C-alpha atoms as a PDB file:
ATOM      1  CA  MET A   1      -2.861 313.198 222.752  1.00  0.00           C
ATOM      2  CA  ALA A   2      -4.964 310.058 222.932  1.00  0.00           C
ATOM      3  CA  ALA A   3      -5.436 308.267 226.226  1.00  0.00           C
ATOM      4  CA  ARG A   4      -3.149 305.272 226.705  1.00  0.00           C
ATOM      5  CA  ILE A   5      -3.174 302.033 228.649  1.00  0.00           C
ATOM      6  CA  GLU A   6      -0.410 299.568 229.435  1.00  0.00           C
ATOM      7  CA  VAL A   7      -1.348 296.058 228.354  1.00  0.00           C
ATOM      8  CA  ARG A   8       0.411 293.059 229.884  1.00  0.00           C
ATOM      9  CA  LYS A   9       0.180 289.703 228.146  1.00  0.00           C
ATOM     10  CA  HIS A  10       0.487 286.609 230.335  1.00  0.00           C
ATOM     11  CA  LYS A  11       0.642 282.866 229.687  1.00  0.00           C
ATOM     12  CA  TRP A  12      -1.064 280.319 231.932  1.00  0.00           C
ATOM     13  CA  PRO A  13      -1.040 280.249 234.873  1.00  0.00           C
ATOM     14  CA  ASP A  14       0.424 283.733 235.420  1.00  0.00           C
ATOM     15  CA  ARG A  15       3.701 284.216 233.543  1.00  0.00           C
ATOM     16  CA  LEU A  16       4.266 287.712 232.135  1.00  0.00           C
ATOM     17  CA  ILE A  17       5.336 287.493 228.485  1.00  0.00           C
ATOM     18  CA  ASP A  18       5.372 291.076 227.281  1.00  0.00           C
ATOM     19  CA  ARG A  19       3.882 294.499 227.705  1.00  0.00           C
ATOM     20  CA  ALA A  20       3.187 297.536 225.570  1.00  0.00           C
ATOM     21  CA  VAL A  21       1.380 300.851 225.808  1.00  0.00           C
ATOM     22  CA  GLU A  22      -1.630 301.084 223.492  1.00  0.00           C
ATOM     23  CA  GLU A  23      -3.595 304.108 222.349  1.00  0.00           C
ATOM     24  CA  ILE A  24      -7.268 303.961 223.368  1.00  0.00           C
ATOM     25  CA  LEU A  25      -9.354 304.673 220.258  1.00  0.00           C
ATOM     26  CA  GLY A  26     -12.912 304.145 221.498  1.00  0.00           C
ATOM     27  CA  GLU A  27     -15.624 301.572 221.980  1.00  0.00           C
ATOM     28  CA  ASP A  28     -18.470 300.155 219.969  1.00  0.00           C
ATOM     29  CA  GLU A  29     -20.805 297.174 220.261  1.00  0.00           C
ATOM     30  CA  HIS A  30     -17.854 294.839 219.557  1.00  0.00           C
ATOM     31  CA  GLY A  31     -15.611 296.054 222.344  1.00  0.00           C
ATOM     32  CA  SER A  32     -12.805 298.411 223.205  1.00  0.00           C
ATOM     33  CA  TRP A  33     -10.540 299.405 220.317  1.00  0.00           C
ATOM     34  CA  ARG A  34      -6.851 300.155 220.764  1.00  0.00           C
ATOM     35  CA  ALA A  35      -3.905 300.896 218.525  1.00  0.00           C
ATOM     36  CA  LEU A  36      -0.257 300.017 218.701  1.00  0.00           C
ATOM     37  CA  PRO A  37       1.416 302.588 216.455  1.00  0.00           C
ATOM     38  CA  ALA A  38       4.273 301.569 214.195  1.00  0.00           C
ATOM     39  CA  ARG A  39       7.620 301.460 216.030  1.00  0.00           C
ATOM     40  CA  ARG A  40       6.018 301.478 219.506  1.00  0.00           C
ATOM     41  CA  GLU A  41       8.035 299.253 221.836  1.00  0.00           C
ATOM     42  CA  ILE A  42       6.776 295.893 223.025  1.00  0.00           C
ATOM     43  CA  GLN A  43       8.920 294.888 225.978  1.00  0.00           C
ATOM     44  CA  SER A  44       9.426 291.173 226.427  1.00  0.00           C
ATOM     45  CA  GLN A  45       9.997 289.680 229.845  1.00  0.00           C
ATOM     46  CA  ASP A  46      13.285 288.192 228.593  1.00  0.00           C
ATOM     47  CA  GLY A  47      14.699 291.661 227.863  1.00  0.00           C
ATOM     48  CA  ALA A  48      14.006 291.797 224.134  1.00  0.00           C
ATOM     49  CA  VAL A  49      12.316 294.880 222.653  1.00  0.00           C
ATOM     50  CA  PHE A  50      10.083 294.343 219.603  1.00  0.00           C
ATOM     51  CA  ARG A  51       8.895 297.025 217.190  1.00  0.00           C
ATOM     52  CA  PHE A  52       6.543 296.533 214.265  1.00  0.00           C
ATOM     53  CA  GLY A  53       7.012 298.702 211.188  1.00  0.00           C
ATOM     54  CA  PHE A  54       3.230 299.083 210.790  1.00  0.00           C
ATOM     55  CA  ASP A  55       0.199 300.153 212.818  1.00  0.00           C
ATOM     56  CA  VAL A  56      -1.936 297.477 214.494  1.00  0.00           C
ATOM     57  CA  VAL A  57      -5.479 297.939 215.782  1.00  0.00           C
ATOM     58  CA  ALA A  58      -6.876 295.553 218.407  1.00  0.00           C
ATOM     59  CA  CYS A  59     -10.402 294.728 219.557  1.00  0.00           C
ATOM     60  CA  TYR A  60     -10.943 293.671 223.177  1.00  0.00           C
ATOM     61  CA  PRO A  61     -14.509 292.331 223.424  1.00  0.00           C
ATOM     62  CA  PRO A  62     -16.337 292.947 226.720  1.00  0.00           C
ATOM     63  CA  GLN A  63     -17.175 289.267 227.296  1.00  0.00           C
ATOM     64  CA  GLY A  64     -15.352 287.310 224.601  1.00  0.00           C
ATOM     65  CA  TRP A  65     -12.470 284.927 225.124  1.00  0.00           C
ATOM     66  CA  TRP A  66     -10.329 286.432 222.372  1.00  0.00           C
ATOM     67  CA  ILE A  67      -8.364 289.527 221.363  1.00  0.00           C
ATOM     68  CA  ALA A  68      -8.189 290.317 217.660  1.00  0.00           C
ATOM     69  CA  THR A  69      -5.518 292.383 215.929  1.00  0.00           C
ATOM     70  CA  PHE A  70      -6.090 293.872 212.477  1.00  0.00           C
ATOM     71  CA  HIS A  71      -3.135 294.461 210.168  1.00  0.00           C
ATOM     72  CA  PRO A  72      -2.700 296.687 207.109  1.00  0.00           C
ATOM     73  CA  ASP A  73      -2.073 295.215 203.670  1.00  0.00           C
ATOM     74  CA  VAL A  74       1.599 296.241 203.642  1.00  0.00           C
ATOM     75  CA  PRO A  75       4.857 294.372 204.236  1.00  0.00           C
ATOM     76  CA  LEU A  76       4.741 293.391 207.922  1.00  0.00           C
ATOM     77  CA  THR A  77       8.257 294.372 208.928  1.00  0.00           C
ATOM     78  CA  TYR A  78       9.620 294.102 212.437  1.00  0.00           C
ATOM     79  CA  GLU A  79      12.794 294.529 214.428  1.00  0.00           C
ATOM     80  CA  VAL A  80      13.875 292.931 217.676  1.00  0.00           C
ATOM     81  CA  ASP A  81      16.630 294.235 219.915  1.00  0.00           C
ATOM     82  CA  ARG A  82      18.073 291.534 222.166  1.00  0.00           C
ATOM     83  CA  PRO A  83      21.122 291.648 224.411  1.00  0.00           C
ATOM     84  CA  ALA A  84      22.857 289.433 221.822  1.00  0.00           C
ATOM     85  CA  GLY A  85      22.030 291.732 218.891  1.00  0.00           C
ATOM     86  CA  ARG A  86      19.386 293.038 216.521  1.00  0.00           C
ATOM     87  CA  GLU A  87      17.106 291.070 214.208  1.00  0.00           C
ATOM     88  CA  VAL A  88      15.190 292.672 211.340  1.00  0.00           C
ATOM     89  CA  GLY A  89      12.657 290.802 209.228  1.00  0.00           C
ATOM     90  CA  THR A  90       9.289 290.508 207.558  1.00  0.00           C
ATOM     91  CA  MET A  91       6.385 288.433 208.870  1.00  0.00           C
ATOM     92  CA  ARG A  92       4.025 286.481 206.644  1.00  0.00           C
ATOM     93  CA  PRO A  93       1.192 288.768 205.512  1.00  0.00           C
ATOM     94  CA  ARG A  94      -2.030 288.327 207.424  1.00  0.00           C
ATOM     95  CA  GLU A  95      -5.194 290.337 207.744  1.00  0.00           C
ATOM     96  CA  ILE A  96      -6.310 289.351 211.260  1.00  0.00           C
ATOM     97  CA  TYR A  97      -4.500 287.600 214.095  1.00  0.00           C
ATOM     98  CA  THR A  98      -6.664 286.546 217.045  1.00  0.00           C
ATOM     99  CA  HIS A  99      -5.361 285.324 220.371  1.00  0.00           C
ATOM    100  CA  ILE A 100      -7.722 283.028 222.242  1.00  0.00           C
ATOM    101  CA  ALA A 101      -7.498 284.471 225.742  1.00  0.00           C
ATOM    102  CA  MET A 102      -9.415 284.793 228.967  1.00  0.00           C
ATOM    103  CA  PRO A 103     -11.401 288.058 229.166  1.00  0.00           C
ATOM    104  CA  PRO A 104      -9.009 290.898 230.039  1.00  0.00           C
ATOM    105  CA  SER A 105      -9.012 292.512 233.449  1.00  0.00           C
ATOM    106  CA  VAL A 106      -8.012 296.029 234.463  1.00  0.00           C
ATOM    107  CA  HIS A 107      -5.761 296.337 237.506  1.00  0.00           C
ATOM    108  CA  VAL A 108      -6.495 298.929 240.199  1.00  0.00           C
ATOM    109  CA  ASP A 109      -3.381 300.855 239.047  1.00  0.00           C
ATOM    110  CA  GLY A 110      -4.858 301.214 235.564  1.00  0.00           C
ATOM    111  CA  TRP A 111      -2.999 298.636 233.500  1.00  0.00           C
ATOM    112  CA  GLN A 112      -4.748 295.797 231.720  1.00  0.00           C
ATOM    113  CA  MET A 113      -3.815 292.119 231.714  1.00  0.00           C
ATOM    114  CA  PHE A 114      -4.870 289.330 229.433  1.00  0.00           C
ATOM    115  CA  MET A 115      -4.148 285.617 229.726  1.00  0.00           C
ATOM    116  CA  ASP A 116      -3.190 284.150 226.352  1.00  0.00           C
ATOM    117  CA  LEU A 117      -4.329 280.502 226.131  1.00  0.00           C
ATOM    118  CA  GLU A 118      -2.009 279.523 223.246  1.00  0.00           C
ATOM    119  CA  LEU A 119      -4.593 278.933 220.496  1.00  0.00           C
ATOM    120  CA  ASP A 120      -4.545 281.535 217.725  1.00  0.00           C
ATOM    121  CA  VAL A 121      -6.791 282.053 214.702  1.00  0.00           C
ATOM    122  CA  ILE A 122      -5.436 283.816 211.623  1.00  0.00           C
ATOM    123  CA  ARG A 123      -7.185 285.066 208.500  1.00  0.00           C
ATOM    124  CA  HIS A 124      -4.833 285.610 205.601  1.00  0.00           C
ATOM    125  CA  TRP A 125      -5.489 288.207 202.921  1.00  0.00           C
ATOM    126  CA  ASN A 126      -6.661 285.490 200.510  1.00  0.00           C
ATOM    127  CA  GLY A 127      -9.462 284.606 202.982  1.00  0.00           C
ATOM    128  CA  ASP A 128      -7.918 281.399 204.323  1.00  0.00           C
ATOM    129  CA  VAL A 129      -8.591 280.920 208.043  1.00  0.00           C
ATOM    130  CA  VAL A 130      -6.228 278.742 210.067  1.00  0.00           C
ATOM    131  CA  VAL A 131      -5.929 277.732 213.711  1.00  0.00           C
ATOM    132  CA  ILE A 132      -2.361 277.526 214.961  1.00  0.00           C
ATOM    133  CA  ASP A 133      -0.540 276.377 218.100  1.00  0.00           C
ATOM    134  CA  GLU A 134      -2.780 273.369 218.734  1.00  0.00           C
ATOM    135  CA  ASP A 135       0.211 271.445 220.146  1.00  0.00           C
ATOM    136  CA  ASP A 136       1.081 274.285 222.536  1.00  0.00           C
ATOM    137  CA  PHE A 137      -2.545 274.458 223.694  1.00  0.00           C
ATOM    138  CA  ALA A 138      -2.637 270.697 224.313  1.00  0.00           C
ATOM    139  CA  ALA A 139       0.528 270.946 226.430  1.00  0.00           C
ATOM    140  CA  VAL A 140      -0.830 273.613 228.808  1.00  0.00           C
ATOM    141  CA  ASP A 141      -2.248 272.256 232.078  1.00  0.00           C
ATOM    142  CA  LEU A 142      -5.570 274.133 232.013  1.00  0.00           C
ATOM    143  CA  PRO A 143      -8.620 273.402 234.140  1.00  0.00           C
ATOM    144  CA  ASP A 144     -11.277 271.551 232.103  1.00  0.00           C
ATOM    145  CA  ASP A 145     -13.743 274.469 232.125  1.00  0.00           C
ATOM    146  CA  ILE A 146     -11.133 276.934 230.814  1.00  0.00           C
ATOM    147  CA  ARG A 147      -9.925 274.451 228.184  1.00  0.00           C
ATOM    148  CA  ALA A 148     -13.519 273.912 226.995  1.00  0.00           C
ATOM    149  CA  GLN A 149     -14.225 277.659 226.849  1.00  0.00           C
ATOM    150  CA  ALA A 150     -10.998 278.308 224.935  1.00  0.00           C
ATOM    151  CA  ARG A 151     -11.810 275.577 222.404  1.00  0.00           C
ATOM    152  CA  ALA A 152     -15.395 276.854 221.957  1.00  0.00           C
ATOM    153  CA  SER A 153     -14.108 280.416 221.487  1.00  0.00           C
ATOM    154  CA  CYS A 154     -11.528 279.271 218.963  1.00  0.00           C
ATOM    155  CA  ASP A 155     -14.178 277.450 216.931  1.00  0.00           C
ATOM    156  CA  GLU A 156     -16.542 280.442 217.097  1.00  0.00           C
ATOM    157  CA  VAL A 157     -13.859 282.955 216.052  1.00  0.00           C
ATOM    158  CA  ALA A 158     -12.803 280.749 213.120  1.00  0.00           C
ATOM    159  CA  ARG A 159     -16.447 280.455 212.018  1.00  0.00           C
ATOM    160  CA  MET A 160     -16.985 284.222 212.335  1.00  0.00           C
ATOM    161  CA  MET A 161     -13.812 284.964 210.370  1.00  0.00           C
ATOM    162  CA  ARG A 162     -14.843 282.627 207.553  1.00  0.00           C
ATOM    163  CA  ALA A 163     -18.304 284.231 207.437  1.00  0.00           C
ATOM    164  CA  ARG A 164     -16.790 287.747 207.765  1.00  0.00           C
ATOM    165  CA  GLU A 165     -19.120 288.409 210.715  1.00  0.00           C
ATOM    166  CA  GLU A 166     -18.314 291.553 212.639  1.00  0.00           C
ATOM    167  CA  PRO A 167     -15.971 292.574 213.974  1.00  0.00           C
ATOM    168  CA  PHE A 168     -14.186 290.300 211.463  1.00  0.00           C
ATOM    169  CA  GLY A 169     -15.805 291.960 208.452  1.00  0.00           C
ATOM    170  CA  ASP A 170     -15.443 295.677 207.780  1.00  0.00           C
ATOM    171  CA  VAL A 171     -15.363 297.075 211.331  1.00  0.00           C
ATOM    172  CA  GLY A 172     -11.720 296.266 212.165  1.00  0.00           C
ATOM    173  CA  PRO A 173     -10.324 297.667 208.900  1.00  0.00           C
ATOM    174  CA  ARG A 174     -12.400 300.840 209.425  1.00  0.00           C
ATOM    175  CA  TRP A 175     -10.849 301.368 212.892  1.00  0.00           C
ATOM    176  CA  LEU A 176      -7.404 300.768 211.382  1.00  0.00           C
ATOM    177  CA  ALA A 177      -8.046 303.285 208.577  1.00  0.00           C
ATOM    178  CA  ARG A 178      -9.386 305.856 211.042  1.00  0.00           C
ATOM    179  CA  PHE A 179      -6.292 305.460 213.198  1.00  0.00           C
ATOM    180  CA  ALA A 180      -3.968 305.805 210.182  1.00  0.00           C
ATOM    181  CA  GLU A 181      -5.845 308.956 209.117  1.00  0.00           C
ATOM    182  CA  GLY A 182      -5.723 310.373 212.647  1.00  0.00           C
ATOM    183  CA  THR A 183      -9.506 310.430 212.957  1.00  0.00           C
ATOM    184  CA  ALA A 184      -9.957 307.602 215.506  1.00  0.00           C
END
């Protein structure tokens, strides 16, 4: 069995949003690679439980202000169990979804936290790269230095995605394929 780590996602300044247990796949020059297998629970702070119907592989760079998730070219189905009932659906296809976030930190008890800073960069399968949640980012009361770093990281990630620079070229899909094959 692969080693695992609990990952807790927070919003500024320190509000827990959700948590999940990821499989640790390995490391390379781009960062630490993890997988969230299909149907693995993501527990939301509000009591909802999310499950994706597909595997996701994530890259956590050692110094970067982002966390990238790589998705397979399949229907991106999901289900959400809430106290009020169940929702089942399909998300818009996308190749890469990158959260602009402060560098993750590992807690003394072994779990990892990252602070999502609202901006997200997506590359769709047709190659289009878009930045989303600009309004949410503008509404967050961030210190100027963190806001500037988040904006610079967002611009750099978007540029790298457009240019297909690694790990936004072939590296992420290779980790995803290796995980799906059981060789990661």
